[in-house]
PDB file of N, CA and C in Angstrom:
ATOM      1  N   UNK A   1      11.080 -20.350  -4.138  1.00  0.00           N
ATOM      2  CA  UNK A   1      11.601 -19.780  -2.917  1.00  0.00           C
ATOM      3  C   UNK A   1      11.131 -20.625  -1.740  1.00  0.00           C
ATOM      4  N   UNK A   2      11.998 -20.860  -0.782  1.00  0.00           N
ATOM      5  CA  UNK A   2      11.644 -21.638   0.410  1.00  0.00           C
ATOM      6  C   UNK A   2      10.592 -20.901   1.233  1.00  0.00           C
ATOM      7  N   UNK A   3       9.828 -21.676   2.004  1.00  0.00           N
ATOM      8  CA  UNK A   3       8.782 -21.072   2.844  1.00  0.00           C
ATOM      9  C   UNK A   3       9.368 -20.084   3.850  1.00  0.00           C
ATOM     10  N   UNK A   4      10.511 -20.411   4.418  1.00  0.00           N
ATOM     11  CA  UNK A   4      11.130 -19.510   5.395  1.00  0.00           C
ATOM     12  C   UNK A   4      11.530 -18.186   4.736  1.00  0.00           C
ATOM     13  N   UNK A   5      12.067 -18.270   3.541  1.00  0.00           N
ATOM     14  CA  UNK A   5      12.460 -17.060   2.810  1.00  0.00           C
ATOM     15  C   UNK A   5      11.220 -16.254   2.410  1.00  0.00           C
ATOM     16  N   UNK A   6      10.158 -16.941   2.009  1.00  0.00           N
ATOM     17  CA  UNK A   6       8.907 -16.259   1.678  1.00  0.00           C
ATOM     18  C   UNK A   6       8.371 -15.518   2.902  1.00  0.00           C
ATOM     19  N   UNK A   7       8.364 -16.207   4.028  1.00  0.00           N
ATOM     20  CA  UNK A   7       7.865 -15.612   5.261  1.00  0.00           C
ATOM     21  C   UNK A   7       8.684 -14.384   5.645  1.00  0.00           C
ATOM     22  N   UNK A   8       9.993 -14.491   5.542  1.00  0.00           N
ATOM     23  CA  UNK A   8      10.875 -13.369   5.869  1.00  0.00           C
ATOM     24  C   UNK A   8      10.603 -12.184   4.958  1.00  0.00           C
ATOM     25  N   UNK A   9      10.431 -12.441   3.677  1.00  0.00           N
ATOM     26  CA  UNK A   9      10.156 -11.371   2.704  1.00  0.00           C
ATOM     27  C   UNK A   9       8.792 -10.725   2.974  1.00  0.00           C
ATOM     28  N   UNK A  10       7.807 -11.526   3.326  1.00  0.00           N
ATOM     29  CA  UNK A  10       6.479 -10.997   3.648  1.00  0.00           C
ATOM     30  C   UNK A  10       6.564 -10.080   4.863  1.00  0.00           C
ATOM     31  N   UNK A  11       7.271 -10.513   5.892  1.00  0.00           N
ATOM     32  CA  UNK A  11       7.421  -9.697   7.109  1.00  0.00           C
ATOM     33  C   UNK A  11       8.154  -8.396   6.789  1.00  0.00           C
ATOM     34  N   UNK A  12       9.205  -8.483   5.969  1.00  0.00           N
ATOM     35  CA  UNK A  12       9.956  -7.280   5.585  1.00  0.00           C
ATOM     36  C   UNK A  12       9.053  -6.282   4.861  1.00  0.00           C
ATOM     37  N   UNK A  13       8.268  -6.762   3.905  1.00  0.00           N
ATOM     38  CA  UNK A  13       7.357  -5.877   3.182  1.00  0.00           C
ATOM     39  C   UNK A  13       6.293  -5.299   4.109  1.00  0.00           C
ATOM     40  N   UNK A  14       5.791  -6.117   5.020  1.00  0.00           N
ATOM     41  CA  UNK A  14       4.783  -5.656   5.973  1.00  0.00           C
ATOM     42  C   UNK A  14       5.341  -4.520   6.829  1.00  0.00           C
ATOM     43  N   UNK A  15       6.539  -4.702   7.341  1.00  0.00           N
ATOM     44  CA  UNK A  15       7.176  -3.660   8.170  1.00  0.00           C
ATOM     45  C   UNK A  15       7.426  -2.386   7.363  1.00  0.00           C
ATOM     46  N   UNK A  16       7.849  -2.543   6.116  1.00  0.00           N
ATOM     47  CA  UNK A  16       8.089  -1.390   5.254  1.00  0.00           C
ATOM     48  C   UNK A  16       6.787  -0.630   5.016  1.00  0.00           C
ATOM     49  N   UNK A  17       5.734  -1.359   4.717  1.00  0.00           N
ATOM     50  CA  UNK A  17       4.436  -0.740   4.483  1.00  0.00           C
ATOM     51  C   UNK A  17       3.898  -0.084   5.749  1.00  0.00           C
ATOM     52  N   UNK A  18       4.169  -0.708   6.864  1.00  0.00           N
ATOM     53  CA  UNK A  18       3.738  -0.181   8.149  1.00  0.00           C
ATOM     54  C   UNK A  18       4.361   1.193   8.424  1.00  0.00           C
ATOM     55  N   UNK A  19       5.554   1.422   7.907  1.00  0.00           N
ATOM     56  CA  UNK A  19       6.238   2.702   8.113  1.00  0.00           C
ATOM     57  C   UNK A  19       5.787   3.773   7.123  1.00  0.00           C
ATOM     58  N   UNK A  20       5.381   3.378   5.917  1.00  0.00           N
ATOM     59  CA  UNK A  20       5.047   4.391   4.907  1.00  0.00           C
ATOM     60  C   UNK A  20       3.679   5.027   5.134  1.00  0.00           C
ATOM     61  N   UNK A  21       2.737   4.298   5.690  1.00  0.00           N
ATOM     62  CA  UNK A  21       1.396   4.855   5.883  1.00  0.00           C
ATOM     63  C   UNK A  21       1.394   6.074   6.795  1.00  0.00           C
ATOM     64  N   UNK A  22       2.064   6.056   7.953  1.00  0.00           N
ATOM     65  CA  UNK A  22       2.096   7.273   8.782  1.00  0.00           C
ATOM     66  C   UNK A  22       2.799   8.448   8.081  1.00  0.00           C
ATOM     67  N   UNK A  23       3.789   8.139   7.257  1.00  0.00           N
ATOM     68  CA  UNK A  23       4.468   9.204   6.516  1.00  0.00           C
ATOM     69  C   UNK A  23       3.490   9.878   5.555  1.00  0.00           C
ATOM     70  N   UNK A  24       2.739   9.079   4.823  1.00  0.00           N
ATOM     71  CA  UNK A  24       1.759   9.626   3.881  1.00  0.00           C
ATOM     72  C   UNK A  24       0.705  10.422   4.637  1.00  0.00           C
ATOM     73  N   UNK A  25       0.216   9.873   5.717  1.00  0.00           N
ATOM     74  CA  UNK A  25      -0.809  10.529   6.521  1.00  0.00           C
ATOM     75  C   UNK A  25      -0.323  11.881   7.042  1.00  0.00           C
ATOM     76  N   UNK A  26       0.904  11.907   7.550  1.00  0.00           N
ATOM     77  CA  UNK A  26       1.464  13.158   8.048  1.00  0.00           C
ATOM     78  C   UNK A  26       1.619  14.195   6.954  1.00  0.00           C
ATOM     79  N   UNK A  27       2.068  13.770   5.791  1.00  0.00           N
ATOM     80  CA  UNK A  27       2.241  14.696   4.668  1.00  0.00           C
ATOM     81  C   UNK A  27       0.904  15.257   4.200  1.00  0.00           C
ATOM     82  N   UNK A  28      -0.135  14.436   4.235  1.00  0.00           N
ATOM     83  CA  UNK A  28      -1.452  14.901   3.804  1.00  0.00           C
ATOM     84  C   UNK A  28      -2.012  15.966   4.754  1.00  0.00           C
ATOM     85  N   UNK A  29      -1.605  15.912   6.013  1.00  0.00           N
ATOM     86  CA  UNK A  29      -2.068  16.894   6.987  1.00  0.00           C
ATOM     87  C   UNK A  29      -1.263  18.192   6.942  1.00  0.00           C
ATOM     88  N   UNK A  30      -0.188  18.185   6.214  1.00  0.00           N
ATOM     89  CA  UNK A  30       0.668  19.360   6.096  1.00  0.00           C
ATOM     90  C   UNK A  30      -0.078  20.484   5.377  1.00  0.00           C
ATOM     91  N   UNK A  31       0.155  21.753   5.783  1.00  0.00           N
ATOM     92  CA  UNK A  31      -0.506  22.860   5.097  1.00  0.00           C
ATOM     93  C   UNK A  31      -0.106  22.966   3.622  1.00  0.00           C
ATOM     94  N   UNK A  32       1.117  22.571   3.299  1.00  0.00           N
ATOM     95  CA  UNK A  32       1.580  22.589   1.907  1.00  0.00           C
ATOM     96  C   UNK A  32       2.231  21.243   1.603  1.00  0.00           C
ATOM     97  N   UNK A  33       1.405  20.233   1.319  1.00  0.00           N
ATOM     98  CA  UNK A  33       1.961  18.893   1.090  1.00  0.00           C
ATOM     99  C   UNK A  33       2.799  18.824  -0.181  1.00  0.00           C
ATOM    100  N   UNK A  34       3.840  18.020  -0.125  1.00  0.00           N
ATOM    101  CA  UNK A  34       4.682  17.759  -1.299  1.00  0.00           C
ATOM    102  C   UNK A  34       3.981  16.676  -2.119  1.00  0.00           C
ATOM    103  N   UNK A  35       3.212  17.118  -3.101  1.00  0.00           N
ATOM    104  CA  UNK A  35       2.363  16.195  -3.858  1.00  0.00           C
ATOM    105  C   UNK A  35       3.163  15.157  -4.625  1.00  0.00           C
ATOM    106  N   UNK A  36       4.316  15.546  -5.141  1.00  0.00           N
ATOM    107  CA  UNK A  36       5.143  14.586  -5.886  1.00  0.00           C
ATOM    108  C   UNK A  36       5.636  13.484  -4.960  1.00  0.00           C
ATOM    109  N   UNK A  37       6.042  13.848  -3.755  1.00  0.00           N
ATOM    110  CA  UNK A  37       6.519  12.846  -2.795  1.00  0.00           C
ATOM    111  C   UNK A  37       5.375  11.952  -2.323  1.00  0.00           C
ATOM    112  N   UNK A  38       4.221  12.537  -2.087  1.00  0.00           N
ATOM    113  CA  UNK A  38       3.051  11.740  -1.689  1.00  0.00           C
ATOM    114  C   UNK A  38       2.706  10.744  -2.785  1.00  0.00           C
ATOM    115  N   UNK A  39       2.699  11.204  -4.022  1.00  0.00           N
ATOM    116  CA  UNK A  39       2.414  10.323  -5.149  1.00  0.00           C
ATOM    117  C   UNK A  39       3.442   9.196  -5.230  1.00  0.00           C
ATOM    118  N   UNK A  40       4.696   9.540  -5.035  1.00  0.00           N
ATOM    119  CA  UNK A  40       5.758   8.529  -5.087  1.00  0.00           C
ATOM    120  C   UNK A  40       5.589   7.494  -3.975  1.00  0.00           C
ATOM    121  N   UNK A  41       5.260   7.956  -2.767  1.00  0.00           N
ATOM    122  CA  UNK A  41       5.057   7.026  -1.653  1.00  0.00           C
ATOM    123  C   UNK A  41       3.830   6.142  -1.876  1.00  0.00           C
ATOM    124  N   UNK A  42       2.754   6.721  -2.396  1.00  0.00           N
ATOM    125  CA  UNK A  42       1.549   5.925  -2.669  1.00  0.00           C
ATOM    126  C   UNK A  42       1.833   4.873  -3.734  1.00  0.00           C
ATOM    127  N   UNK A  43       2.561   5.257  -4.768  1.00  0.00           N
ATOM    128  CA  UNK A  43       2.915   4.308  -5.823  1.00  0.00           C
ATOM    129  C   UNK A  43       3.792   3.198  -5.259  1.00  0.00           C
ATOM    130  N   UNK A  44       4.783   3.573  -4.463  1.00  0.00           N
ATOM    131  CA  UNK A  44       5.654   2.585  -3.827  1.00  0.00           C
ATOM    132  C   UNK A  44       4.835   1.628  -2.982  1.00  0.00           C
ATOM    133  N   UNK A  45       3.915   2.183  -2.198  1.00  0.00           N
ATOM    134  CA  UNK A  45       3.121   1.347  -1.303  1.00  0.00           C
ATOM    135  C   UNK A  45       2.228   0.388  -2.084  1.00  0.00           C
ATOM    136  N   UNK A  46       1.590   0.852  -3.137  1.00  0.00           N
ATOM    137  CA  UNK A  46       0.737  -0.032  -3.933  1.00  0.00           C
ATOM    138  C   UNK A  46       1.551  -1.131  -4.607  1.00  0.00           C
ATOM    139  N   UNK A  47       2.736  -0.799  -5.089  1.00  0.00           N
ATOM    140  CA  UNK A  47       3.607  -1.815  -5.696  1.00  0.00           C
ATOM    141  C   UNK A  47       4.052  -2.834  -4.653  1.00  0.00           C
ATOM    142  N   UNK A  48       4.378  -2.364  -3.453  1.00  0.00           N
ATOM    143  CA  UNK A  48       4.793  -3.278  -2.388  1.00  0.00           C
ATOM    144  C   UNK A  48       3.644  -4.187  -1.968  1.00  0.00           C
ATOM    145  N   UNK A  49       2.422  -3.631  -1.895  1.00  0.00           N
ATOM    146  CA  UNK A  49       1.262  -4.470  -1.576  1.00  0.00           C
ATOM    147  C   UNK A  49       1.045  -5.532  -2.653  1.00  0.00           C
ATOM    148  N   UNK A  50       1.243  -5.152  -3.907  1.00  0.00           N
ATOM    149  CA  UNK A  50       1.104  -6.118  -4.993  1.00  0.00           C
ATOM    150  C   UNK A  50       2.155  -7.232  -4.853  1.00  0.00           C
ATOM    151  N   UNK A  51       3.395  -6.837  -4.577  1.00  0.00           N
ATOM    152  CA  UNK A  51       4.465  -7.828  -4.381  1.00  0.00           C
ATOM    153  C   UNK A  51       4.152  -8.746  -3.203  1.00  0.00           C
ATOM    154  N   UNK A  52       3.637  -8.150  -2.125  1.00  0.00           N
ATOM    155  CA  UNK A  52       3.326  -8.956  -0.952  1.00  0.00           C
ATOM    156  C   UNK A  52       2.191  -9.937  -1.260  1.00  0.00           C
ATOM    157  N   UNK A  53       1.232  -9.519  -2.059  1.00  0.00           N
ATOM    158  CA  UNK A  53       0.141 -10.429  -2.422  1.00  0.00           C
ATOM    159  C   UNK A  53       0.676 -11.630  -3.183  1.00  0.00           C
ATOM    160  N   UNK A  54       1.595 -11.389  -4.104  1.00  0.00           N
ATOM    161  CA  UNK A  54       2.195 -12.494  -4.851  1.00  0.00           C
ATOM    162  C   UNK A  54       2.942 -13.453  -3.925  1.00  0.00           C
ATOM    163  N   UNK A  55       3.641 -12.901  -2.956  1.00  0.00           N
ATOM    164  CA  UNK A  55       4.348 -13.743  -1.985  1.00  0.00           C
ATOM    165  C   UNK A  55       3.368 -14.529  -1.116  1.00  0.00           C
ATOM    166  N   UNK A  56       2.286 -13.868  -0.700  1.00  0.00           N
ATOM    167  CA  UNK A  56       1.270 -14.557   0.100  1.00  0.00           C
ATOM    168  C   UNK A  56       0.631 -15.699  -0.685  1.00  0.00           C
ATOM    169  N   UNK A  57       0.440 -15.475  -1.974  1.00  0.00           N
ATOM    170  CA  UNK A  57      -0.134 -16.528  -2.821  1.00  0.00           C
ATOM    171  C   UNK A  57       0.804 -17.729  -2.882  1.00  0.00           C
ATOM    172  N   UNK A  58       2.090 -17.465  -2.997  1.00  0.00           N
ATOM    173  CA  UNK A  58       3.067 -18.559  -3.006  1.00  0.00           C
ATOM    174  C   UNK A  58       3.100 -19.259  -1.652  1.00  0.00           C
ATOM    175  N   UNK A  59       2.990 -18.476  -0.584  1.00  0.00           N
ATOM    176  CA  UNK A  59       3.102 -19.026   0.770  1.00  0.00           C
ATOM    177  C   UNK A  59       1.851 -19.804   1.172  1.00  0.00           C
ATOM    178  N   UNK A  60       0.672 -19.233   0.894  1.00  0.00           N
ATOM    179  CA  UNK A  60      -0.571 -19.826   1.390  1.00  0.00           C
ATOM    180  C   UNK A  60      -1.348 -20.591   0.329  1.00  0.00           C
ATOM    181  N   UNK A  61      -1.016 -20.393  -0.936  1.00  0.00           N
ATOM    182  CA  UNK A  61      -1.756 -21.046  -2.011  1.00  0.00           C
ATOM    183  C   UNK A  61      -2.784 -20.106  -2.610  1.00  0.00           C
ATOM    184  N   UNK A  62      -3.109 -20.288  -3.885  1.00  0.00           N
ATOM    185  CA  UNK A  62      -4.003 -19.359  -4.582  1.00  0.00           C
ATOM    186  C   UNK A  62      -5.447 -19.370  -4.100  1.00  0.00           C
ATOM    187  N   UNK A  63      -5.878 -20.426  -3.452  1.00  0.00           N
ATOM    188  CA  UNK A  63      -7.271 -20.511  -3.004  1.00  0.00           C
ATOM    189  C   UNK A  63      -7.430 -20.129  -1.533  1.00  0.00           C
ATOM    190  N   UNK A  64      -6.433 -19.510  -0.968  1.00  0.00           N
ATOM    191  CA  UNK A  64      -6.450 -19.166   0.444  1.00  0.00           C
ATOM    192  C   UNK A  64      -7.513 -18.114   0.762  1.00  0.00           C
ATOM    193  N   UNK A  65      -8.206 -18.320   1.872  1.00  0.00           N
ATOM    194  CA  UNK A  65      -9.195 -17.347   2.336  1.00  0.00           C
ATOM    195  C   UNK A  65      -8.515 -16.030   2.713  1.00  0.00           C
ATOM    196  N   UNK A  66      -7.283 -16.116   3.178  1.00  0.00           N
ATOM    197  CA  UNK A  66      -6.528 -14.913   3.527  1.00  0.00           C
ATOM    198  C   UNK A  66      -6.323 -14.008   2.320  1.00  0.00           C
ATOM    199  N   UNK A  67      -6.127 -14.602   1.148  1.00  0.00           N
ATOM    200  CA  UNK A  67      -5.938 -13.808  -0.064  1.00  0.00           C
ATOM    201  C   UNK A  67      -7.198 -13.035  -0.429  1.00  0.00           C
ATOM    202  N   UNK A  68      -8.352 -13.637  -0.202  1.00  0.00           N
ATOM    203  CA  UNK A  68      -9.604 -12.942  -0.487  1.00  0.00           C
ATOM    204  C   UNK A  68      -9.738 -11.713   0.401  1.00  0.00           C
ATOM    205  N   UNK A  69      -9.417 -11.868   1.683  1.00  0.00           N
ATOM    206  CA  UNK A  69      -9.469 -10.742   2.615  1.00  0.00           C
ATOM    207  C   UNK A  69      -8.432  -9.691   2.223  1.00  0.00           C
ATOM    208  N   UNK A  70      -7.266 -10.144   1.833  1.00  0.00           N
ATOM    209  CA  UNK A  70      -6.194  -9.243   1.422  1.00  0.00           C
ATOM    210  C   UNK A  70      -6.621  -8.436   0.200  1.00  0.00           C
ATOM    211  N   UNK A  71      -7.259  -9.100  -0.768  1.00  0.00           N
ATOM    212  CA  UNK A  71      -7.713  -8.421  -1.978  1.00  0.00           C
ATOM    213  C   UNK A  71      -8.738  -7.335  -1.654  1.00  0.00           C
ATOM    214  N   UNK A  72      -9.610  -7.598  -0.701  1.00  0.00           N
ATOM    215  CA  UNK A  72     -10.606  -6.601  -0.293  1.00  0.00           C
ATOM    216  C   UNK A  72      -9.894  -5.393   0.319  1.00  0.00           C
ATOM    217  N   UNK A  73      -8.924  -5.639   1.200  1.00  0.00           N
ATOM    218  CA  UNK A  73      -8.192  -4.540   1.820  1.00  0.00           C
ATOM    219  C   UNK A  73      -7.386  -3.747   0.795  1.00  0.00           C
ATOM    220  N   UNK A  74      -6.778  -4.427  -0.161  1.00  0.00           N
ATOM    221  CA  UNK A  74      -6.011  -3.748  -1.201  1.00  0.00           C
ATOM    222  C   UNK A  74      -6.926  -2.886  -2.068  1.00  0.00           C
ATOM    223  N   UNK A  75      -8.109  -3.394  -2.373  1.00  0.00           N
ATOM    224  CA  UNK A  75      -9.070  -2.614  -3.150  1.00  0.00           C
ATOM    225  C   UNK A  75      -9.492  -1.360  -2.378  1.00  0.00           C
ATOM    226  N   UNK A  76      -9.704  -1.495  -1.066  1.00  0.00           N
ATOM    227  CA  UNK A  76     -10.066  -0.341  -0.247  1.00  0.00           C
ATOM    228  C   UNK A  76      -8.939   0.693  -0.244  1.00  0.00           C
ATOM    229  N   UNK A  77      -7.701   0.233  -0.146  1.00  0.00           N
ATOM    230  CA  UNK A  77      -6.560   1.144  -0.152  1.00  0.00           C
ATOM    231  C   UNK A  77      -6.482   1.907  -1.471  1.00  0.00           C
ATOM    232  N   UNK A  78      -6.645   1.193  -2.579  1.00  0.00           N
ATOM    233  CA  UNK A  78      -6.607   1.855  -3.888  1.00  0.00           C
ATOM    234  C   UNK A  78      -7.733   2.882  -4.000  1.00  0.00           C
ATOM    235  N   UNK A  79      -8.911   2.534  -3.532  1.00  0.00           N
ATOM    236  CA  UNK A  79     -10.044   3.456  -3.558  1.00  0.00           C
ATOM    237  C   UNK A  79      -9.748   4.686  -2.707  1.00  0.00           C
ATOM    238  N   UNK A  80      -9.199   4.477  -1.520  1.00  0.00           N
ATOM    239  CA  UNK A  80      -8.837   5.602  -0.648  1.00  0.00           C
ATOM    240  C   UNK A  80      -7.831   6.517  -1.320  1.00  0.00           C
ATOM    241  N   UNK A  81      -6.841   5.945  -1.977  1.00  0.00           N
ATOM    242  CA  UNK A  81      -5.826   6.762  -2.644  1.00  0.00           C
ATOM    243  C   UNK A  81      -6.410   7.544  -3.808  1.00  0.00           C
ATOM    244  N   UNK A  82      -7.364   6.956  -4.514  1.00  0.00           N
ATOM    245  CA  UNK A  82      -8.026   7.682  -5.598  1.00  0.00           C
ATOM    246  C   UNK A  82      -8.805   8.870  -5.025  1.00  0.00           C
ATOM    247  N   UNK A  83      -9.506   8.642  -3.922  1.00  0.00           N
ATOM    248  CA  UNK A  83     -10.261   9.724  -3.286  1.00  0.00           C
ATOM    249  C   UNK A  83      -9.333  10.809  -2.750  1.00  0.00           C
ATOM    250  N   UNK A  84      -8.208  10.410  -2.187  1.00  0.00           N
ATOM    251  CA  UNK A  84      -7.220  11.379  -1.699  1.00  0.00           C
ATOM    252  C   UNK A  84      -6.697  12.209  -2.860  1.00  0.00           C
ATOM    253  N   UNK A  85      -6.348  11.538  -3.949  1.00  0.00           N
ATOM    254  CA  UNK A  85      -5.829  12.245  -5.123  1.00  0.00           C
ATOM    255  C   UNK A  85      -6.862  13.228  -5.665  1.00  0.00           C
ATOM    256  N   UNK A  86      -8.131  12.839  -5.692  1.00  0.00           N
ATOM    257  CA  UNK A  86      -9.188  13.736  -6.160  1.00  0.00           C
ATOM    258  C   UNK A  86      -9.329  14.931  -5.222  1.00  0.00           C
ATOM    259  N   UNK A  87      -9.241  14.686  -3.928  1.00  0.00           N
ATOM    260  CA  UNK A  87      -9.329  15.768  -2.949  1.00  0.00           C
ATOM    261  C   UNK A  87      -8.178  16.739  -3.075  1.00  0.00           C
ATOM    262  N   UNK A  88      -6.976  16.232  -3.306  1.00  0.00           N
ATOM    263  CA  UNK A  88      -5.812  17.103  -3.484  1.00  0.00           C
ATOM    264  C   UNK A  88      -5.965  17.916  -4.753  1.00  0.00           C
ATOM    265  N   UNK A  89      -6.448  17.294  -5.808  1.00  0.00           N
ATOM    266  CA  UNK A  89      -6.629  18.004  -7.076  1.00  0.00           C
ATOM    267  C   UNK A  89      -7.636  19.135  -6.919  1.00  0.00           C
ATOM    268  N   UNK A  90      -8.721  18.875  -6.215  1.00  0.00           N
ATOM    269  CA  UNK A  90      -9.741  19.905  -6.004  1.00  0.00           C
ATOM    270  C   UNK A  90      -9.185  21.045  -5.167  1.00  0.00           C
ATOM    271  N   UNK A  91      -8.415  20.700  -4.136  1.00  0.00           N
ATOM    272  CA  UNK A  91      -7.832  21.714  -3.265  1.00  0.00           C
ATOM    273  C   UNK A  91      -6.877  22.603  -4.051  1.00  0.00           C
ATOM    274  N   UNK A  92      -6.058  22.022  -4.891  1.00  0.00           N
ATOM    275  CA  UNK A  92      -5.096  22.797  -5.683  1.00  0.00           C
ATOM    276  C   UNK A  92      -5.772  23.637  -6.748  1.00  0.00           C
ATOM    277  N   UNK A  93      -6.913  23.195  -7.236  1.00  0.00           N
ATOM    278  CA  UNK A  93      -7.616  23.939  -8.276  1.00  0.00           C
ATOM    279  C   UNK A  93      -8.306  25.179  -7.696  1.00  0.00           C
ATOM    280  N   UNK A  94      -8.624  25.120  -6.413  1.00  0.00           N
ATOM    281  CA  UNK A  94      -9.358  26.236  -5.783  1.00  0.00           C
ATOM    282  C   UNK A  94      -8.495  27.448  -5.555  1.00  0.00           C
TER     283      UNK A  94
END
């Protein structure tokens, strides 16, 4: 893929991800969250982040310092989602 096309795809994924986070956040604050939809959005977001990482690797190279920072942020996001899922499970069990 050309660099321009890679860049365009990265920006598109970034904008898409930028829109899904507030949606998830708002749903989590709801008194009766739609857990299936939240799960679907979280899964979509993690898959999109994975796709974006692959594109960034193609764009910047596998040894890029940016990828290391990106991997740390992606790990934090996955950890946050696991904690959110555990919190929702505990709330529903009560």
